Amino acid sequence: MLEALKEEVCEGNMALPRHGLVIWTGGNLSARDPQTGLVVIKPSGVLYDHMTPDDMVVVDLDGKVVEGDHGPSSDTASHLYVYRHRDDVRSVIHTHSTFATAWAATGQPIPCCLTAVADEFGGPVPCGGYANIGTEEIGEQIMAHIGDSPAILLKQHGVFTIGATIEKAVKAAVMVEDVARTITYAKIVGRIEDLPPEAIAANHDRYMNRYGTAAASTGVKR
């Protein structure tokens, strides 16, 4: 069942340790099949080095295990809550990446003080409240606070990202850690300053609509 999606979900999960976003068995990635509505998610407590596509677990949106020899991730309830409330989301990721989670530990959003933050996130990376692991409370916090951002911090917990594809959700997870690291070091160097709203909007529009085209930079003609 959903063999191709299992391979994609396994490869997406394997990308997390490659990018330094998770250690040991922490973190998880899932994806939803748009035809059946079923979700493929990382198994609970399995080392990344040992995972194969056959280890992935298939669940329905109510949390019933449809296929799999392992138990699904302890964050399954939060992933499913997001899928039930955001039809545009096809992949959800959870990590404890070091620098972004340091911001989560303090309950602070990551400020939009860099063009890179404006580009990818369109504003500060929000931080939701504390929620109990293994429950829908995390999903509720994500939906209450994520807005239009592809990433959110959960207070005293970690990072969740969403995307219309696995690749986009992974990209958001990589980028949120990158900007969190840079801004953490910037605060050591000196005072940081938020970008003005018009600069945030302009950078986000360019990145979302013109990046990768000839219109990405002014003064360029074909």
Protein backbone atom coordinates (compact mmCIF):
# COMPACT_ATOMS: atom_id res chain seq x y z
CA MET A 1 0.00 0.00 0.00
CA LEU A 2 1.29 3.44 -1.01
CA GLU A 3 4.72 1.95 -1.75
CA ALA A 4 5.96 5.00 -3.68
CA LEU A 5 4.89 7.37 -0.90
CA LYS A 6 6.57 5.15 1.71
CA GLU A 7 9.83 5.50 -0.22
CA GLU A 8 9.43 9.28 -0.38
CA VAL A 9 8.59 9.53 3.33
CA CYS A 10 11.52 7.31 4.27
CA GLU A 11 13.89 9.39 2.15
CA GLY A 12 12.45 12.60 3.64
CA ASN A 13 13.04 11.28 7.15
CA MET A 14 16.59 10.28 6.23
CA ALA A 15 17.21 13.85 5.05
CA LEU A 16 16.66 15.17 8.58
CA PRO A 17 19.83 13.72 10.14
CA ARG A 18 21.78 14.53 6.96
CA HIS A 19 20.94 18.18 7.54
CA GLY A 20 21.77 17.97 11.24
CA LEU A 21 18.17 18.56 12.33
CA VAL A 22 17.66 15.45 14.48
CA ILE A 23 19.68 12.96 16.52
CA TRP A 24 19.15 9.33 17.58
CA THR A 25 15.43 8.55 17.06
CA GLY A 26 14.08 12.08 17.61
CA GLY A 27 11.98 13.98 15.11
CA ASN A 28 9.62 12.75 12.43
CA LEU A 29 8.22 13.42 8.96
CA SER A 30 4.91 12.43 7.44
CA ALA A 31 3.13 12.92 4.15
CA ARG A 32 -0.51 12.65 3.11
CA ASP A 33 -1.66 10.86 -0.02
CA PRO A 34 -4.09 13.23 -1.79
CA GLN A 35 -6.07 10.42 -3.41
CA THR A 36 -6.82 8.27 -0.36
CA GLY A 37 -6.27 10.80 2.41
CA LEU A 38 -4.08 8.26 4.19
CA VAL A 39 -0.91 9.42 5.94
CA VAL A 40 2.50 7.74 5.87
CA ILE A 41 4.61 8.56 8.92
CA LYS A 42 7.91 7.60 10.55
CA PRO A 43 7.75 4.70 13.00
CA SER A 44 8.28 5.43 16.68
CA GLY A 45 11.67 4.69 18.24
CA VAL A 46 13.44 3.37 15.13
CA LEU A 47 16.98 4.56 14.43
CA TYR A 48 17.32 6.51 11.19
CA ASP A 49 20.27 4.38 10.10
CA HIS A 50 18.11 1.29 10.26
CA MET A 51 14.92 2.62 8.65
CA THR A 52 13.59 1.32 5.34
CA PRO A 53 10.43 2.19 3.40
CA ASP A 54 8.82 -0.98 4.78
CA ASP A 55 9.17 0.46 8.30
CA MET A 56 6.91 3.41 7.50
CA VAL A 57 3.45 3.30 9.07
CA VAL A 58 0.19 4.09 7.25
CA VAL A 59 -2.62 5.66 9.28
CA ASP A 60 -5.95 7.22 8.44
CA LEU A 61 -6.91 10.74 9.50
CA ASP A 62 -8.59 9.36 12.63
CA GLY A 63 -5.35 7.72 13.76
CA LYS A 64 -6.21 4.12 12.93
CA VAL A 65 -3.17 2.12 11.83
CA VAL A 66 -3.95 0.80 8.36
CA GLU A 67 -0.60 -0.84 7.69
CA GLY A 68 2.73 -1.18 9.48
CA ASP A 69 4.71 -3.47 11.75
CA HIS A 70 5.77 -0.64 14.09
CA GLY A 71 3.87 1.88 16.12
CA PRO A 72 3.54 5.29 14.43
CA SER A 73 5.43 8.35 15.69
CA SER A 74 4.46 9.74 19.09
CA ASP A 75 3.61 12.97 17.25
CA THR A 76 1.04 11.28 14.99
CA ALA A 77 -1.92 13.00 16.66
CA SER A 78 -0.41 16.44 16.02
CA HIS A 79 0.35 15.65 12.36
CA LEU A 80 -3.18 14.37 11.79
CA TYR A 81 -4.70 17.44 13.43
CA VAL A 82 -2.82 19.65 10.98
CA TYR A 83 -3.92 17.57 7.99
CA ARG A 84 -7.55 17.68 9.07
CA HIS A 85 -7.45 21.48 9.34
CA ARG A 86 -5.19 22.41 6.42
CA ASP A 87 -6.14 20.77 3.13
CA ASP A 88 -3.19 22.50 1.42
CA VAL A 89 -0.64 20.72 3.63
CA ARG A 90 0.81 17.49 2.26
CA SER A 91 3.79 17.06 4.61
CA VAL A 92 4.49 17.79 8.28
CA ILE A 93 7.90 17.65 9.99
CA HIS A 94 8.97 17.85 13.61
CA THR A 95 12.57 18.41 14.71
CA HIS A 96 14.55 19.46 17.75
CA SER A 97 17.19 21.27 15.69
CA THR A 98 19.59 22.98 18.07
CA PHE A 99 19.36 26.71 17.42
CA ALA A 100 15.68 26.90 16.53
CA THR A 101 14.86 24.80 19.59
CA ALA A 102 16.93 27.17 21.73
CA TRP A 103 14.47 29.90 20.74
CA ALA A 104 11.58 27.52 21.47
CA ALA A 105 13.06 26.84 24.91
CA THR A 106 12.65 30.50 25.77
CA GLY A 107 9.20 30.79 24.19
CA GLN A 108 10.36 33.47 21.76
CA PRO A 109 9.51 33.82 18.07
CA ILE A 110 12.47 34.13 15.72
CA PRO A 111 12.50 37.81 14.72
CA CYS A 112 12.37 38.92 11.10
CA CYS A 113 15.66 40.80 11.18
CA LEU A 114 17.18 39.23 8.05
CA THR A 115 16.13 39.16 4.44
CA ALA A 116 16.44 35.36 4.61
CA VAL A 117 13.68 35.28 7.25
CA ALA A 118 11.50 37.58 5.17
CA ASP A 119 12.14 35.50 2.06
CA GLU A 120 11.19 32.09 3.40
CA PHE A 121 8.80 32.90 6.24
CA GLY A 122 7.24 36.26 5.34
CA GLY A 123 7.74 37.57 8.86
CA PRO A 124 8.85 36.33 12.29
CA VAL A 125 8.78 32.57 12.84
CA PRO A 126 5.98 32.29 15.40
CA CYS A 127 6.14 30.43 18.71
CA GLY A 128 3.11 28.60 20.07
CA GLY A 129 2.52 27.64 23.66
CA TYR A 130 3.54 24.51 25.52
CA ALA A 131 1.53 21.39 24.66
CA ASN A 132 1.61 17.78 25.79
CA ILE A 133 3.42 15.32 23.53
CA GLY A 134 1.29 12.56 22.01
CA THR A 135 -1.91 14.62 21.99
CA GLU A 136 -3.79 16.91 19.64
CA GLU A 137 -2.76 19.86 21.81
CA ILE A 138 0.34 20.36 19.67
CA GLY A 139 -1.76 20.45 16.51
CA GLU A 140 -4.07 22.96 18.14
CA GLN A 141 -1.12 25.20 18.99
CA ILE A 142 0.24 24.90 15.44
CA MET A 143 -3.07 25.88 13.88
CA ALA A 144 -3.64 28.71 16.36
CA HIS A 145 -0.26 30.37 15.75
CA ILE A 146 1.37 29.34 12.47
CA GLY A 147 -0.58 31.71 10.22
CA ASP A 148 0.98 31.86 6.75
CA SER A 149 4.41 30.71 7.91
CA PRO A 150 5.72 27.29 6.87
CA ALA A 151 7.36 26.90 10.30
CA ILE A 152 6.48 27.32 13.94
CA LEU A 153 8.23 26.82 17.26
CA LEU A 154 6.48 25.12 20.17
CA LYS A 155 7.42 26.53 23.57
CA GLN A 156 9.84 24.30 25.48
CA HIS A 157 9.60 21.65 22.79
CA GLY A 158 10.90 22.18 19.27
CA VAL A 159 10.09 22.94 15.65
CA PHE A 160 7.27 21.97 13.30
CA THR A 161 7.20 22.74 9.59
CA ILE A 162 4.58 22.19 6.91
CA GLY A 163 4.59 22.13 3.14
CA ALA A 164 2.64 21.35 0.00
CA THR A 165 5.37 18.77 -0.68
CA ILE A 166 7.91 16.85 1.37
CA GLU A 167 10.68 18.91 -0.23
CA LYS A 168 9.07 22.19 0.81
CA ALA A 169 8.57 21.02 4.39
CA VAL A 170 12.19 19.85 4.56
CA LYS A 171 13.37 23.15 3.11
CA ALA A 172 11.47 25.08 5.79
CA ALA A 173 13.04 22.90 8.50
CA VAL A 174 16.52 23.51 7.10
CA MET A 175 15.96 27.24 6.68
CA VAL A 176 14.48 27.83 10.13
CA GLU A 177 17.54 26.24 11.72
CA ASP A 178 19.86 28.27 9.50
CA VAL A 179 18.31 31.64 10.37
CA ALA A 180 18.01 30.70 14.05
CA ARG A 181 21.73 29.96 14.16
CA THR A 182 22.67 33.22 12.45
CA ILE A 183 20.40 35.35 14.62
CA THR A 184 21.61 33.67 17.80
CA TYR A 185 25.18 34.61 16.88
CA ALA A 186 24.06 38.10 15.85
CA LYS A 187 22.65 38.69 19.32
CA ILE A 188 26.09 37.90 20.72
CA VAL A 189 27.68 40.44 18.37
CA GLY A 190 25.21 43.20 19.14
CA ARG A 191 21.65 44.47 18.96
CA ILE A 192 19.40 43.11 16.23
CA GLU A 193 16.72 45.15 14.48
CA ASP A 194 13.54 43.98 12.78
CA LEU A 195 13.13 44.74 9.10
CA PRO A 196 10.38 47.27 8.39
CA PRO A 197 7.08 45.76 7.20
CA GLU A 198 7.48 47.10 3.66
CA ALA A 199 10.89 45.47 3.32
CA ILE A 200 9.54 42.17 4.64
CA ALA A 201 6.68 42.24 2.15
CA ALA A 202 8.91 43.19 -0.78
CA ASN A 203 11.47 40.48 -0.05
CA HIS A 204 8.85 37.81 0.48
CA ASP A 205 7.07 38.74 -2.76
CA ARG A 206 10.31 38.64 -4.74
CA TYR A 207 11.31 35.30 -3.27
CA MET A 208 7.93 33.65 -3.71
CA ASN A 209 7.05 35.03 -7.14
CA ARG A 210 10.24 36.01 -8.99
CA TYR A 211 13.12 34.05 -7.48
CA GLY A 212 14.55 31.66 -10.06
CA THR A 213 13.38 33.78 -13.00
CA ALA A 214 14.89 36.60 -15.01
CA ALA A 215 12.79 39.00 -12.97
CA ALA A 216 14.55 38.08 -9.72
CA SER A 217 16.90 41.04 -10.10
CA THR A 218 16.28 44.48 -11.50
CA GLY A 219 18.37 45.52 -14.49
CA VAL A 220 18.29 42.08 -16.09
CA LYS A 221 16.93 41.70 -19.64
CA ARG A 222 16.55 38.82 -22.03
